[in-house]
Amino acid sequence: MQPIVPVFDTVQIDTLRAEPLLEEFYVDSLNVGRKSFNKVEISKYRAIDSMYVIIKFYSKQHSRWKLKNEFRFEKDGIRGCEPQFTDFNNDKLNDITYVANVAARPGSNEMRRLFIYDVRDDKLVSMKNSLDYPNMLYNKKLNCIDALQVYGGCSTVFLKISGDSLRPFAEVELHFGLTVTTYDKKGRAKIIFRDTTKKAAFIRYQTFNPPKPYQDN
């Protein structure tokens, strides 16, 4: 049997020169993947000049936990990890996110790193661009993920899971009016609706064609 090779994201070597301090530790085997047959451990460390998180994902085989994934990512020091377990792809199995950092307009844009549970390979898949999309939710109406980006205005971006990435397919923007844009699989944009009289801001939309806020559905 071939050993599992952990997959690591880039971390500065400086973080390994001194003994890191473990600041947070989470373990859960009841809410991620196959309940009681999968387990995740999240550890947050503080080094001399940085912070980072290590995520370990296990599968139970013959009553023993076998390591399936290991990831390492840099993290800000503003907030804790605050892991959440949610089904983002409607397979009835929970995926996991944790707070990686906050972006513009602190408190409005929560940046979570998303890991989708792959039942076929019994492992986690890190969505490599999930930090591009703050405030992610599973959208039951459209069976997708939507994200709310808050800046001078706001945008609701509708996303599909494509391999190890999130692919936008539509967007409702409220900024100097309301604009609805669709995107093809190559990322080419097409504006399908525009209303320059719309003045309201900071509204999250559940649908884009027609654009309807969550509370209207």
N, C-alpha and C. Protein backbone atom coordinates (compact mmCIF):
# COMPACT_ATOMS: atom_id res chain seq x y z
N MET A 1 0.85 -1.20 0.00
CA MET A 1 0.00 0.00 0.00
C MET A 1 0.88 1.24 0.00
N GLN A 2 0.59 2.17 -0.92
CA GLN A 2 1.37 3.40 -1.01
C GLN A 2 1.01 4.34 0.12
N PRO A 3 2.00 4.98 0.75
CA PRO A 3 1.70 5.93 1.81
C PRO A 3 1.00 7.16 1.25
N ILE A 4 0.18 7.78 2.06
CA ILE A 4 -0.50 9.00 1.66
C ILE A 4 0.46 10.16 1.82
N VAL A 5 0.60 10.95 0.76
CA VAL A 5 1.49 12.10 0.81
C VAL A 5 0.66 13.32 1.14
N PRO A 6 0.89 13.97 2.28
CA PRO A 6 0.11 15.16 2.63
C PRO A 6 0.29 16.26 1.60
N VAL A 7 -0.79 17.01 1.37
CA VAL A 7 -0.77 18.13 0.45
C VAL A 7 -0.70 19.41 1.26
N PHE A 8 0.34 20.24 1.02
CA PHE A 8 0.53 21.47 1.79
C PHE A 8 0.45 22.68 0.88
N ASP A 9 -0.14 23.73 1.37
CA ASP A 9 -0.06 25.01 0.70
C ASP A 9 1.23 25.68 1.14
N THR A 10 1.63 26.74 0.44
CA THR A 10 2.89 27.41 0.75
C THR A 10 2.82 28.12 2.09
N VAL A 11 3.81 27.91 2.93
CA VAL A 11 3.96 28.60 4.21
C VAL A 11 5.40 29.05 4.32
N GLN A 12 5.64 30.25 4.79
CA GLN A 12 7.00 30.74 4.91
C GLN A 12 7.81 29.87 5.85
N ILE A 13 9.05 29.60 5.49
CA ILE A 13 9.92 28.76 6.30
C ILE A 13 10.15 29.38 7.67
N ASP A 14 10.06 30.72 7.76
CA ASP A 14 10.28 31.40 9.04
C ASP A 14 9.36 30.88 10.14
N THR A 15 8.16 30.41 9.77
CA THR A 15 7.22 29.96 10.77
C THR A 15 7.68 28.68 11.45
N LEU A 16 8.67 28.01 10.88
CA LEU A 16 9.11 26.73 11.42
C LEU A 16 10.41 26.86 12.22
N ARG A 17 10.96 28.08 12.35
CA ARG A 17 12.26 28.25 13.01
C ARG A 17 12.16 28.25 14.53
N ALA A 18 10.99 28.52 15.03
CA ALA A 18 10.80 28.51 16.48
C ALA A 18 9.64 27.59 16.80
N GLU A 19 9.61 27.12 18.03
CA GLU A 19 8.53 26.24 18.44
C GLU A 19 7.21 27.00 18.39
N PRO A 20 6.27 26.57 17.53
CA PRO A 20 5.00 27.29 17.44
C PRO A 20 4.12 27.03 18.66
N LEU A 21 3.23 27.97 18.91
CA LEU A 21 2.30 27.86 20.02
C LEU A 21 0.94 27.45 19.49
N LEU A 22 0.40 26.35 20.01
CA LEU A 22 -0.94 25.91 19.63
C LEU A 22 -1.97 26.79 20.34
N GLU A 23 -2.74 27.54 19.57
CA GLU A 23 -3.73 28.45 20.14
C GLU A 23 -5.15 27.89 20.10
N GLU A 24 -5.46 27.09 19.09
CA GLU A 24 -6.80 26.51 18.99
C GLU A 24 -6.69 25.08 18.48
N PHE A 25 -7.61 24.26 18.95
CA PHE A 25 -7.67 22.88 18.46
C PHE A 25 -9.13 22.43 18.44
N TYR A 26 -9.56 21.91 17.29
CA TYR A 26 -10.92 21.38 17.15
C TYR A 26 -10.83 19.96 16.61
N VAL A 27 -11.72 19.11 17.08
CA VAL A 27 -11.83 17.77 16.52
C VAL A 27 -13.31 17.44 16.41
N ASP A 28 -13.71 16.83 15.30
CA ASP A 28 -15.12 16.49 15.09
C ASP A 28 -15.23 15.24 14.24
N SER A 29 -16.02 14.29 14.71
CA SER A 29 -16.26 13.08 13.94
C SER A 29 -17.75 12.82 13.76
N LEU A 30 -18.58 13.81 14.08
CA LEU A 30 -20.03 13.63 14.01
C LEU A 30 -20.70 14.51 12.97
N ASN A 31 -19.98 15.47 12.41
CA ASN A 31 -20.64 16.45 11.54
C ASN A 31 -20.02 16.60 10.17
N VAL A 32 -18.95 15.91 9.87
CA VAL A 32 -18.29 16.07 8.59
C VAL A 32 -18.27 14.74 7.84
N GLY A 33 -18.53 14.79 6.52
CA GLY A 33 -18.50 13.57 5.71
C GLY A 33 -19.49 12.54 6.21
N ARG A 34 -19.02 11.31 6.34
CA ARG A 34 -19.85 10.22 6.86
C ARG A 34 -19.74 10.22 8.38
N LYS A 35 -20.82 10.53 9.04
CA LYS A 35 -20.80 10.68 10.48
C LYS A 35 -20.27 9.42 11.16
N SER A 36 -19.33 9.62 12.06
CA SER A 36 -18.65 8.56 12.84
C SER A 36 -17.64 7.77 12.02
N PHE A 37 -17.59 7.99 10.70
CA PHE A 37 -16.60 7.29 9.87
C PHE A 37 -15.57 8.26 9.29
N ASN A 38 -15.79 9.54 9.51
CA ASN A 38 -14.79 10.54 9.13
C ASN A 38 -14.55 11.46 10.31
N LYS A 39 -13.36 12.02 10.35
CA LYS A 39 -12.98 12.91 11.44
C LYS A 39 -12.09 14.01 10.89
N VAL A 40 -12.27 15.22 11.42
CA VAL A 40 -11.42 16.32 11.04
C VAL A 40 -10.80 16.93 12.29
N GLU A 41 -9.54 17.31 12.19
CA GLU A 41 -8.84 18.03 13.25
C GLU A 41 -8.33 19.35 12.68
N ILE A 42 -8.59 20.43 13.39
CA ILE A 42 -8.13 21.75 12.96
C ILE A 42 -7.28 22.33 14.09
N SER A 43 -6.05 22.67 13.77
CA SER A 43 -5.12 23.24 14.75
C SER A 43 -4.62 24.59 14.25
N LYS A 44 -4.70 25.60 15.11
CA LYS A 44 -4.19 26.92 14.76
C LYS A 44 -2.95 27.21 15.59
N TYR A 45 -1.86 27.57 14.91
CA TYR A 45 -0.58 27.81 15.56
C TYR A 45 -0.15 29.25 15.36
N ARG A 46 0.54 29.78 16.38
CA ARG A 46 1.18 31.09 16.27
C ARG A 46 2.68 30.89 16.33
N ALA A 47 3.37 31.37 15.29
CA ALA A 47 4.82 31.35 15.25
C ALA A 47 5.34 32.76 15.52
N ILE A 48 6.62 32.98 15.37
CA ILE A 48 7.22 34.27 15.70
C ILE A 48 6.61 35.40 14.88
N ASP A 49 6.44 35.18 13.59
CA ASP A 49 6.00 36.26 12.72
C ASP A 49 4.77 35.92 11.89
N SER A 50 4.07 34.88 12.24
CA SER A 50 2.91 34.50 11.43
C SER A 50 2.03 33.53 12.20
N MET A 51 0.87 33.26 11.59
CA MET A 51 -0.04 32.26 12.12
C MET A 51 -0.39 31.31 10.98
N TYR A 52 -0.68 30.07 11.32
CA TYR A 52 -1.09 29.12 10.30
C TYR A 52 -2.01 28.07 10.90
N VAL A 53 -2.72 27.39 10.01
CA VAL A 53 -3.68 26.36 10.40
C VAL A 53 -3.30 25.06 9.72
N ILE A 54 -3.42 23.97 10.46
CA ILE A 54 -3.22 22.63 9.90
C ILE A 54 -4.55 21.88 10.01
N ILE A 55 -4.99 21.33 8.90
CA ILE A 55 -6.23 20.55 8.86
C ILE A 55 -5.87 19.12 8.52
N LYS A 56 -6.32 18.20 9.35
CA LYS A 56 -6.12 16.78 9.11
C LYS A 56 -7.48 16.10 9.00
N PHE A 57 -7.63 15.29 7.97
CA PHE A 57 -8.90 14.60 7.73
C PHE A 57 -8.66 13.10 7.71
N TYR A 58 -9.52 12.37 8.43
CA TYR A 58 -9.33 10.93 8.62
C TYR A 58 -10.55 10.15 8.16
N SER A 59 -10.30 8.89 7.83
CA SER A 59 -11.36 7.94 7.53
C SER A 59 -11.17 6.72 8.42
N LYS A 60 -12.27 6.22 8.97
CA LYS A 60 -12.18 5.06 9.84
C LYS A 60 -12.16 3.78 9.01
N GLN A 61 -11.11 3.02 9.18
CA GLN A 61 -10.94 1.75 8.46
C GLN A 61 -10.50 0.69 9.46
N HIS A 62 -11.32 -0.36 9.57
CA HIS A 62 -11.05 -1.45 10.51
C HIS A 62 -10.86 -0.92 11.93
N SER A 63 -11.77 -0.01 12.30
CA SER A 63 -11.82 0.56 13.66
C SER A 63 -10.63 1.47 13.98
N ARG A 64 -9.86 1.84 12.97
CA ARG A 64 -8.74 2.76 13.18
C ARG A 64 -8.87 3.96 12.25
N TRP A 65 -8.36 5.10 12.74
CA TRP A 65 -8.40 6.31 11.93
C TRP A 65 -7.20 6.35 11.00
N LYS A 66 -7.48 6.50 9.70
CA LYS A 66 -6.43 6.60 8.69
C LYS A 66 -6.41 8.01 8.12
N LEU A 67 -5.25 8.63 8.10
CA LEU A 67 -5.12 9.98 7.57
C LEU A 67 -5.31 9.98 6.06
N LYS A 68 -6.24 10.82 5.60
CA LYS A 68 -6.53 10.92 4.16
C LYS A 68 -6.04 12.24 3.55
N ASN A 69 -6.12 13.32 4.31
CA ASN A 69 -5.67 14.63 3.84
C ASN A 69 -4.92 15.34 4.95
N GLU A 70 -3.98 16.18 4.56
CA GLU A 70 -3.39 17.13 5.49
C GLU A 70 -3.09 18.41 4.72
N PHE A 71 -3.58 19.53 5.23
CA PHE A 71 -3.39 20.83 4.59
C PHE A 71 -2.77 21.79 5.59
N ARG A 72 -2.03 22.74 5.06
CA ARG A 72 -1.46 23.80 5.89
C ARG A 72 -1.66 25.14 5.16
N PHE A 73 -2.28 26.09 5.86
CA PHE A 73 -2.57 27.39 5.26
C PHE A 73 -2.23 28.50 6.25
N GLU A 74 -1.76 29.63 5.73
CA GLU A 74 -1.57 30.80 6.57
C GLU A 74 -2.93 31.34 7.01
N LYS A 75 -2.92 32.04 8.16
CA LYS A 75 -4.16 32.60 8.69
C LYS A 75 -3.88 33.95 9.33
N ASP A 76 -4.91 34.82 9.34
CA ASP A 76 -4.75 36.08 10.05
C ASP A 76 -4.95 35.84 11.54
N GLY A 77 -4.65 36.86 12.34
CA GLY A 77 -4.78 36.72 13.78
C GLY A 77 -5.96 37.47 14.36
N ILE A 78 -6.88 37.89 13.49
CA ILE A 78 -8.00 38.70 13.94
C ILE A 78 -9.08 37.85 14.62
N ARG A 79 -9.42 36.73 14.01
CA ARG A 79 -10.48 35.88 14.53
C ARG A 79 -10.00 34.45 14.67
N GLY A 80 -10.78 33.68 15.42
CA GLY A 80 -10.50 32.26 15.54
C GLY A 80 -10.97 31.52 14.29
N CYS A 81 -10.81 30.20 14.30
CA CYS A 81 -11.16 29.39 13.13
C CYS A 81 -12.67 29.26 12.95
N GLU A 82 -13.39 29.11 14.04
CA GLU A 82 -14.85 29.03 14.01
C GLU A 82 -15.35 28.07 12.93
N PRO A 83 -14.97 26.79 12.97
CA PRO A 83 -15.38 25.86 11.92
C PRO A 83 -16.89 25.70 11.86
N GLN A 84 -17.40 25.53 10.65
CA GLN A 84 -18.82 25.27 10.42
C GLN A 84 -18.96 24.09 9.48
N PHE A 85 -20.02 23.31 9.71
CA PHE A 85 -20.28 22.11 8.90
C PHE A 85 -21.59 22.31 8.16
N THR A 86 -21.51 22.33 6.83
CA THR A 86 -22.67 22.60 5.98
C THR A 86 -22.56 21.77 4.72
N ASP A 87 -23.71 21.32 4.20
CA ASP A 87 -23.72 20.61 2.93
C ASP A 87 -23.78 21.63 1.80
N PHE A 88 -22.68 21.82 1.11
CA PHE A 88 -22.60 22.83 0.05
C PHE A 88 -22.90 22.27 -1.33
N ASN A 89 -22.96 20.96 -1.50
CA ASN A 89 -23.18 20.39 -2.83
C ASN A 89 -24.38 19.45 -2.88
N ASN A 90 -25.22 19.49 -1.86
CA ASN A 90 -26.50 18.76 -1.84
C ASN A 90 -26.33 17.25 -2.00
N ASP A 91 -25.27 16.69 -1.39
CA ASP A 91 -25.11 15.24 -1.41
C ASP A 91 -25.48 14.62 -0.07
N LYS A 92 -26.06 15.43 0.81
CA LYS A 92 -26.52 15.02 2.15
C LYS A 92 -25.36 14.71 3.09
N LEU A 93 -24.16 15.13 2.72
CA LEU A 93 -22.99 14.94 3.57
C LEU A 93 -22.35 16.30 3.82
N ASN A 94 -22.02 16.57 5.06
CA ASN A 94 -21.53 17.90 5.41
C ASN A 94 -20.10 18.14 4.94
N ASP A 95 -19.89 19.34 4.43
CA ASP A 95 -18.57 19.85 4.10
C ASP A 95 -18.13 20.76 5.25
N ILE A 96 -16.98 21.39 5.13
CA ILE A 96 -16.47 22.18 6.25
C ILE A 96 -15.85 23.48 5.77
N THR A 97 -16.04 24.53 6.56
CA THR A 97 -15.35 25.80 6.33
C THR A 97 -14.75 26.27 7.65
N TYR A 98 -13.75 27.13 7.54
CA TYR A 98 -13.26 27.83 8.73
C TYR A 98 -12.89 29.25 8.32
N VAL A 99 -12.87 30.16 9.29
CA VAL A 99 -12.56 31.56 9.01
C VAL A 99 -11.06 31.69 8.74
N ALA A 100 -10.73 32.18 7.55
CA ALA A 100 -9.33 32.37 7.19
C ALA A 100 -8.89 33.81 7.45
N ASN A 101 -9.73 34.76 7.09
CA ASN A 101 -9.44 36.17 7.36
C ASN A 101 -10.68 36.99 7.07
N VAL A 102 -10.58 38.29 7.29
CA VAL A 102 -11.64 39.21 6.92
C VAL A 102 -11.09 40.17 5.90
N ALA A 103 -11.96 40.65 5.01
CA ALA A 103 -11.52 41.49 3.91
C ALA A 103 -12.01 42.92 4.13
N ALA A 104 -12.18 43.64 3.02
CA ALA A 104 -12.63 45.04 3.09
C ALA A 104 -13.92 45.14 3.88
N ARG A 105 -14.15 46.31 4.46
CA ARG A 105 -15.29 46.56 5.34
C ARG A 105 -15.33 45.49 6.43
N PRO A 106 -14.40 45.53 7.39
CA PRO A 106 -14.30 44.52 8.45
C PRO A 106 -15.65 44.23 9.09
N GLY A 107 -15.94 42.96 9.26
CA GLY A 107 -17.20 42.53 9.82
C GLY A 107 -18.25 42.24 8.78
N SER A 108 -18.04 42.74 7.54
CA SER A 108 -19.02 42.52 6.47
C SER A 108 -18.63 41.38 5.55
N ASN A 109 -17.34 41.19 5.35
CA ASN A 109 -16.86 40.15 4.43
C ASN A 109 -16.10 39.08 5.20
N GLU A 110 -16.77 38.01 5.50
CA GLU A 110 -16.15 36.89 6.21
C GLU A 110 -15.57 35.92 5.19
N MET A 111 -14.27 35.74 5.23
CA MET A 111 -13.58 34.89 4.26
C MET A 111 -13.35 33.51 4.88
N ARG A 112 -14.04 32.53 4.34
CA ARG A 112 -13.90 31.16 4.84
C ARG A 112 -13.28 30.27 3.77
N ARG A 113 -12.36 29.43 4.20
CA ARG A 113 -11.80 28.44 3.29
C ARG A 113 -12.74 27.25 3.28
N LEU A 114 -13.09 26.78 2.10
CA LEU A 114 -14.08 25.72 1.93
C LEU A 114 -13.43 24.41 1.51
N PHE A 115 -13.84 23.35 2.19
CA PHE A 115 -13.43 21.99 1.84
C PHE A 115 -14.68 21.17 1.56
N ILE A 116 -14.75 20.60 0.37
CA ILE A 116 -15.87 19.76 -0.02
C ILE A 116 -15.50 18.29 0.22
N TYR A 117 -16.42 17.57 0.87
CA TYR A 117 -16.17 16.14 1.08
C TYR A 117 -16.49 15.37 -0.19
N ASP A 118 -15.51 14.63 -0.68
CA ASP A 118 -15.64 13.80 -1.88
C ASP A 118 -15.90 12.38 -1.43
N VAL A 119 -17.16 11.94 -1.54
CA VAL A 119 -17.53 10.62 -1.03
C VAL A 119 -16.89 9.50 -1.86
N ARG A 120 -16.65 9.75 -3.13
CA ARG A 120 -16.06 8.71 -3.97
C ARG A 120 -14.65 8.36 -3.52
N ASP A 121 -13.83 9.38 -3.26
CA ASP A 121 -12.46 9.15 -2.82
C ASP A 121 -12.31 9.22 -1.30
N ASP A 122 -13.41 9.51 -0.60
CA ASP A 122 -13.41 9.58 0.86
C ASP A 122 -12.30 10.52 1.36
N LYS A 123 -12.36 11.76 0.88
CA LYS A 123 -11.36 12.74 1.28
C LYS A 123 -11.95 14.13 1.13
N LEU A 124 -11.23 15.13 1.60
CA LEU A 124 -11.62 16.52 1.43
C LEU A 124 -10.94 17.10 0.19
N VAL A 125 -11.67 17.96 -0.50
CA VAL A 125 -11.12 18.70 -1.63
C VAL A 125 -11.15 20.18 -1.26
N SER A 126 -9.99 20.80 -1.22
CA SER A 126 -9.89 22.22 -0.89
C SER A 126 -10.27 23.05 -2.12
N MET A 127 -11.27 23.90 -1.97
CA MET A 127 -11.66 24.81 -3.05
C MET A 127 -10.65 25.95 -3.09
N LYS A 128 -9.76 25.91 -4.07
CA LYS A 128 -8.57 26.76 -4.04
C LYS A 128 -8.88 28.25 -4.17
N ASN A 129 -10.06 28.61 -4.69
CA ASN A 129 -10.39 30.04 -4.81
C ASN A 129 -11.54 30.44 -3.90
N SER A 130 -11.82 29.67 -2.85
CA SER A 130 -12.96 29.98 -1.99
C SER A 130 -12.78 31.31 -1.25
N LEU A 131 -11.54 31.74 -1.04
CA LEU A 131 -11.33 33.02 -0.35
C LEU A 131 -11.66 34.22 -1.24
N ASP A 132 -11.94 33.98 -2.51
CA ASP A 132 -12.37 35.05 -3.39
C ASP A 132 -13.84 35.39 -3.18
N TYR A 133 -14.56 34.54 -2.43
CA TYR A 133 -16.01 34.67 -2.33
C TYR A 133 -16.44 34.68 -0.86
N PRO A 134 -16.60 35.88 -0.28
CA PRO A 134 -16.98 35.97 1.14
C PRO A 134 -18.44 35.60 1.38
N ASN A 135 -18.71 35.26 2.64
CA ASN A 135 -20.09 35.04 3.11
C ASN A 135 -20.82 33.98 2.29
N MET A 136 -20.19 32.84 2.09
CA MET A 136 -20.78 31.79 1.27
C MET A 136 -21.95 31.11 1.97
N LEU A 137 -22.97 30.77 1.17
CA LEU A 137 -24.12 29.99 1.63
C LEU A 137 -24.48 28.96 0.57
N TYR A 138 -25.09 27.85 1.02
CA TYR A 138 -25.69 26.93 0.06
C TYR A 138 -27.05 27.50 -0.34
N ASN A 139 -27.28 27.61 -1.63
CA ASN A 139 -28.51 28.17 -2.17
C ASN A 139 -29.44 27.02 -2.59
N LYS A 140 -30.45 26.75 -1.76
CA LYS A 140 -31.36 25.64 -2.04
C LYS A 140 -32.20 25.89 -3.29
N LYS A 141 -32.55 27.13 -3.51
CA LYS A 141 -33.40 27.47 -4.64
C LYS A 141 -32.75 27.10 -5.97
N LEU A 142 -31.47 27.39 -6.12
CA LEU A 142 -30.77 27.17 -7.38
C LEU A 142 -29.79 25.99 -7.31
N ASN A 143 -29.71 25.33 -6.15
CA ASN A 143 -28.78 24.20 -5.96
C ASN A 143 -27.36 24.61 -6.35
N CYS A 144 -26.90 25.67 -5.70
CA CYS A 144 -25.56 26.17 -5.97
C CYS A 144 -25.04 26.81 -4.70
N ILE A 145 -23.91 27.46 -4.80
CA ILE A 145 -23.38 28.27 -3.70
C ILE A 145 -23.52 29.73 -4.11
N ASP A 146 -23.94 30.58 -3.18
CA ASP A 146 -23.88 32.00 -3.48
C ASP A 146 -23.02 32.70 -2.44
N ALA A 147 -22.45 33.81 -2.84
CA ALA A 147 -21.55 34.58 -1.98
C ALA A 147 -21.95 36.05 -2.05
N LEU A 148 -21.83 36.75 -0.93
CA LEU A 148 -22.16 38.17 -0.88
C LEU A 148 -20.89 38.97 -0.67
N GLN A 149 -20.57 39.81 -1.64
CA GLN A 149 -19.40 40.68 -1.57
C GLN A 149 -19.87 42.09 -1.25
N VAL A 150 -19.36 42.66 -0.14
CA VAL A 150 -19.77 43.98 0.30
C VAL A 150 -18.62 44.96 0.12
N TYR A 151 -18.89 46.07 -0.55
CA TYR A 151 -17.87 47.11 -0.76
C TYR A 151 -18.62 48.43 -0.73
N GLY A 152 -18.42 49.36 -1.68
CA GLY A 152 -19.25 50.55 -1.75
C GLY A 152 -20.69 50.21 -2.07
N GLY A 153 -20.88 49.12 -2.79
CA GLY A 153 -22.18 48.51 -3.05
C GLY A 153 -22.12 47.07 -2.58
N CYS A 154 -22.76 46.17 -3.32
CA CYS A 154 -22.64 44.75 -2.99
C CYS A 154 -22.96 43.92 -4.22
N SER A 155 -22.47 42.70 -4.22
CA SER A 155 -22.73 41.76 -5.30
C SER A 155 -23.05 40.39 -4.73
N THR A 156 -24.09 39.76 -5.25
CA THR A 156 -24.36 38.36 -4.97
C THR A 156 -23.83 37.56 -6.15
N VAL A 157 -22.89 36.67 -5.89
CA VAL A 157 -22.28 35.86 -6.94
C VAL A 157 -22.76 34.43 -6.79
N PHE A 158 -23.21 33.84 -7.89
CA PHE A 158 -23.73 32.47 -7.90
C PHE A 158 -22.65 31.55 -8.48
N LEU A 159 -22.38 30.45 -7.77
CA LEU A 159 -21.20 29.63 -8.05
C LEU A 159 -21.55 28.15 -8.17
N LYS A 160 -20.85 27.47 -9.04
CA LYS A 160 -20.91 26.01 -9.15
C LYS A 160 -19.54 25.43 -8.77
N ILE A 161 -19.55 24.24 -8.20
CA ILE A 161 -18.31 23.54 -7.89
C ILE A 161 -17.80 22.88 -9.17
N SER A 162 -16.56 23.18 -9.51
CA SER A 162 -15.94 22.60 -10.70
C SER A 162 -14.57 22.08 -10.33
N GLY A 163 -14.48 20.78 -10.09
CA GLY A 163 -13.21 20.20 -9.65
C GLY A 163 -12.83 20.74 -8.29
N ASP A 164 -11.68 21.43 -8.22
CA ASP A 164 -11.22 21.98 -6.96
C ASP A 164 -11.40 23.50 -6.91
N SER A 165 -12.36 24.00 -7.70
CA SER A 165 -12.58 25.45 -7.76
C SER A 165 -14.06 25.77 -7.76
N LEU A 166 -14.36 27.03 -7.47
CA LEU A 166 -15.71 27.56 -7.58
C LEU A 166 -15.80 28.39 -8.85
N ARG A 167 -16.80 28.11 -9.68
CA ARG A 167 -16.94 28.79 -10.96
C ARG A 167 -18.19 29.67 -10.94
N PRO A 168 -18.04 31.00 -11.10
CA PRO A 168 -19.22 31.86 -11.13
C PRO A 168 -20.01 31.67 -12.42
N PHE A 169 -21.33 31.66 -12.31
CA PHE A 169 -22.16 31.58 -13.51
C PHE A 169 -23.17 32.73 -13.59
N ALA A 170 -23.31 33.48 -12.51
CA ALA A 170 -24.19 34.65 -12.55
C ALA A 170 -23.84 35.59 -11.41
N GLU A 171 -24.27 36.85 -11.54
CA GLU A 171 -23.99 37.85 -10.51
C GLU A 171 -25.07 38.92 -10.55
N VAL A 172 -25.52 39.32 -9.36
CA VAL A 172 -26.42 40.47 -9.23
C VAL A 172 -25.65 41.54 -8.46
N GLU A 173 -25.42 42.67 -9.11
CA GLU A 173 -24.66 43.74 -8.48
C GLU A 173 -25.56 44.94 -8.21
N LEU A 174 -25.44 45.48 -7.00
CA LEU A 174 -26.10 46.72 -6.62
C LEU A 174 -25.03 47.77 -6.37
N HIS A 175 -24.84 48.61 -7.36
CA HIS A 175 -23.83 49.67 -7.26
C HIS A 175 -24.12 50.67 -8.38
N PHE A 176 -24.62 51.83 -8.03
CA PHE A 176 -25.08 52.78 -9.04
C PHE A 176 -26.14 52.14 -9.94
N GLY A 177 -27.08 51.46 -9.31
CA GLY A 177 -28.11 50.73 -10.03
C GLY A 177 -27.95 49.24 -9.84
N LEU A 178 -28.83 48.48 -10.49
CA LEU A 178 -28.80 47.02 -10.40
C LEU A 178 -28.41 46.43 -11.75
N THR A 179 -27.44 45.53 -11.73
CA THR A 179 -26.98 44.88 -12.96
C THR A 179 -26.93 43.37 -12.75
N VAL A 180 -27.50 42.63 -13.68
CA VAL A 180 -27.45 41.17 -13.65
C VAL A 180 -26.55 40.70 -14.80
N THR A 181 -25.57 39.89 -14.46
CA THR A 181 -24.60 39.39 -15.43
C THR A 181 -24.54 37.88 -15.35
N THR A 182 -24.46 37.22 -16.49
CA THR A 182 -24.21 35.78 -16.52
C THR A 182 -22.82 35.53 -17.10
N TYR A 183 -22.27 34.36 -16.76
CA TYR A 183 -20.93 33.98 -17.23
C TYR A 183 -20.99 32.58 -17.83
N ASP A 184 -20.35 32.40 -18.96
CA ASP A 184 -20.27 31.06 -19.53
C ASP A 184 -19.11 30.29 -18.90
N LYS A 185 -18.89 29.08 -19.32
CA LYS A 185 -17.88 28.23 -18.70
C LYS A 185 -16.46 28.74 -18.93
N LYS A 186 -16.30 29.63 -19.89
CA LYS A 186 -14.99 30.23 -20.13
C LYS A 186 -14.84 31.57 -19.41
N GLY A 187 -15.85 31.94 -18.62
CA GLY A 187 -15.78 33.17 -17.85
C GLY A 187 -16.20 34.41 -18.61
N ARG A 188 -16.74 34.26 -19.80
CA ARG A 188 -17.15 35.41 -20.59
C ARG A 188 -18.47 35.95 -20.05
N ALA A 189 -18.50 37.27 -19.85
CA ALA A 189 -19.64 37.91 -19.19
C ALA A 189 -20.67 38.41 -20.21
N LYS A 190 -21.96 38.37 -19.79
CA LYS A 190 -23.04 38.90 -20.61
C LYS A 190 -24.05 39.57 -19.69
N ILE A 191 -24.28 40.85 -19.85
CA ILE A 191 -25.27 41.56 -19.05
C ILE A 191 -26.65 41.23 -19.60
N ILE A 192 -27.54 40.73 -18.73
CA ILE A 192 -28.88 40.35 -19.17
C ILE A 192 -29.96 41.27 -18.63
N PHE A 193 -29.61 42.13 -17.66
CA PHE A 193 -30.61 43.05 -17.11
C PHE A 193 -29.89 44.20 -16.43
N ARG A 194 -30.47 45.41 -16.57
CA ARG A 194 -29.90 46.57 -15.89
C ARG A 194 -31.03 47.55 -15.54
N ASP A 195 -30.99 48.04 -14.31
CA ASP A 195 -31.95 49.02 -13.84
C ASP A 195 -31.17 50.11 -13.11
N THR A 196 -30.96 51.22 -13.77
CA THR A 196 -30.14 52.30 -13.20
C THR A 196 -30.89 53.09 -12.13
N THR A 197 -32.21 52.85 -11.99
CA THR A 197 -32.98 53.58 -10.97
C THR A 197 -32.93 52.91 -9.61
N LYS A 198 -32.43 51.71 -9.56
CA LYS A 198 -32.40 50.97 -8.29
C LYS A 198 -31.36 51.58 -7.37
N LYS A 199 -31.76 51.98 -6.17
CA LYS A 199 -30.87 52.68 -5.26
C LYS A 199 -30.51 51.89 -4.02
N ALA A 200 -31.30 50.89 -3.68
CA ALA A 200 -31.04 50.14 -2.45
C ALA A 200 -29.70 49.41 -2.52
N ALA A 201 -29.07 49.26 -1.36
CA ALA A 201 -27.77 48.58 -1.31
C ALA A 201 -27.78 47.52 -0.22
N PHE A 202 -26.77 46.65 -0.27
CA PHE A 202 -26.58 45.61 0.74
C PHE A 202 -27.77 44.66 0.83
N ILE A 203 -28.17 44.12 -0.32
CA ILE A 203 -29.23 43.12 -0.40
C ILE A 203 -28.63 41.85 -0.98
N ARG A 204 -28.94 40.73 -0.34
CA ARG A 204 -28.48 39.43 -0.85
C ARG A 204 -29.60 38.82 -1.70
N TYR A 205 -29.24 38.39 -2.90
CA TYR A 205 -30.22 37.83 -3.83
C TYR A 205 -30.14 36.31 -3.85
N GLN A 206 -31.33 35.69 -3.92
CA GLN A 206 -31.39 34.23 -3.99
C GLN A 206 -31.52 33.74 -5.43
N THR A 207 -32.08 34.57 -6.30
CA THR A 207 -32.19 34.24 -7.72
C THR A 207 -31.70 35.44 -8.54
N PHE A 208 -31.34 35.18 -9.78
CA PHE A 208 -30.82 36.26 -10.65
C PHE A 208 -31.68 36.48 -11.88
N ASN A 209 -32.53 35.55 -12.25
CA ASN A 209 -33.34 35.69 -13.45
C ASN A 209 -34.75 35.15 -13.19
N PRO A 210 -35.62 36.01 -12.60
CA PRO A 210 -35.41 37.43 -12.26
C PRO A 210 -34.65 37.57 -10.94
N PRO A 211 -34.05 38.75 -10.69
CA PRO A 211 -33.35 38.95 -9.42
C PRO A 211 -34.33 39.16 -8.27
N LYS A 212 -34.31 38.24 -7.30
CA LYS A 212 -35.19 38.35 -6.15
C LYS A 212 -34.38 38.14 -4.86
N PRO A 213 -34.53 39.04 -3.89
CA PRO A 213 -33.84 38.88 -2.62
C PRO A 213 -34.33 37.64 -1.89
N TYR A 214 -33.54 37.21 -0.93
CA TYR A 214 -33.92 36.03 -0.14
C TYR A 214 -35.28 36.19 0.51
N GLN A 215 -35.59 37.34 1.09
CA GLN A 215 -36.83 37.49 1.81
C GLN A 215 -38.06 37.48 0.92
N ASP A 216 -37.86 37.63 -0.40
CA ASP A 216 -38.99 37.64 -1.34
C ASP A 216 -39.33 36.27 -1.88
N ASN A 217 -38.55 35.22 -1.52
CA ASN A 217 -38.77 33.88 -2.07
C ASN A 217 -39.55 33.02 -1.09
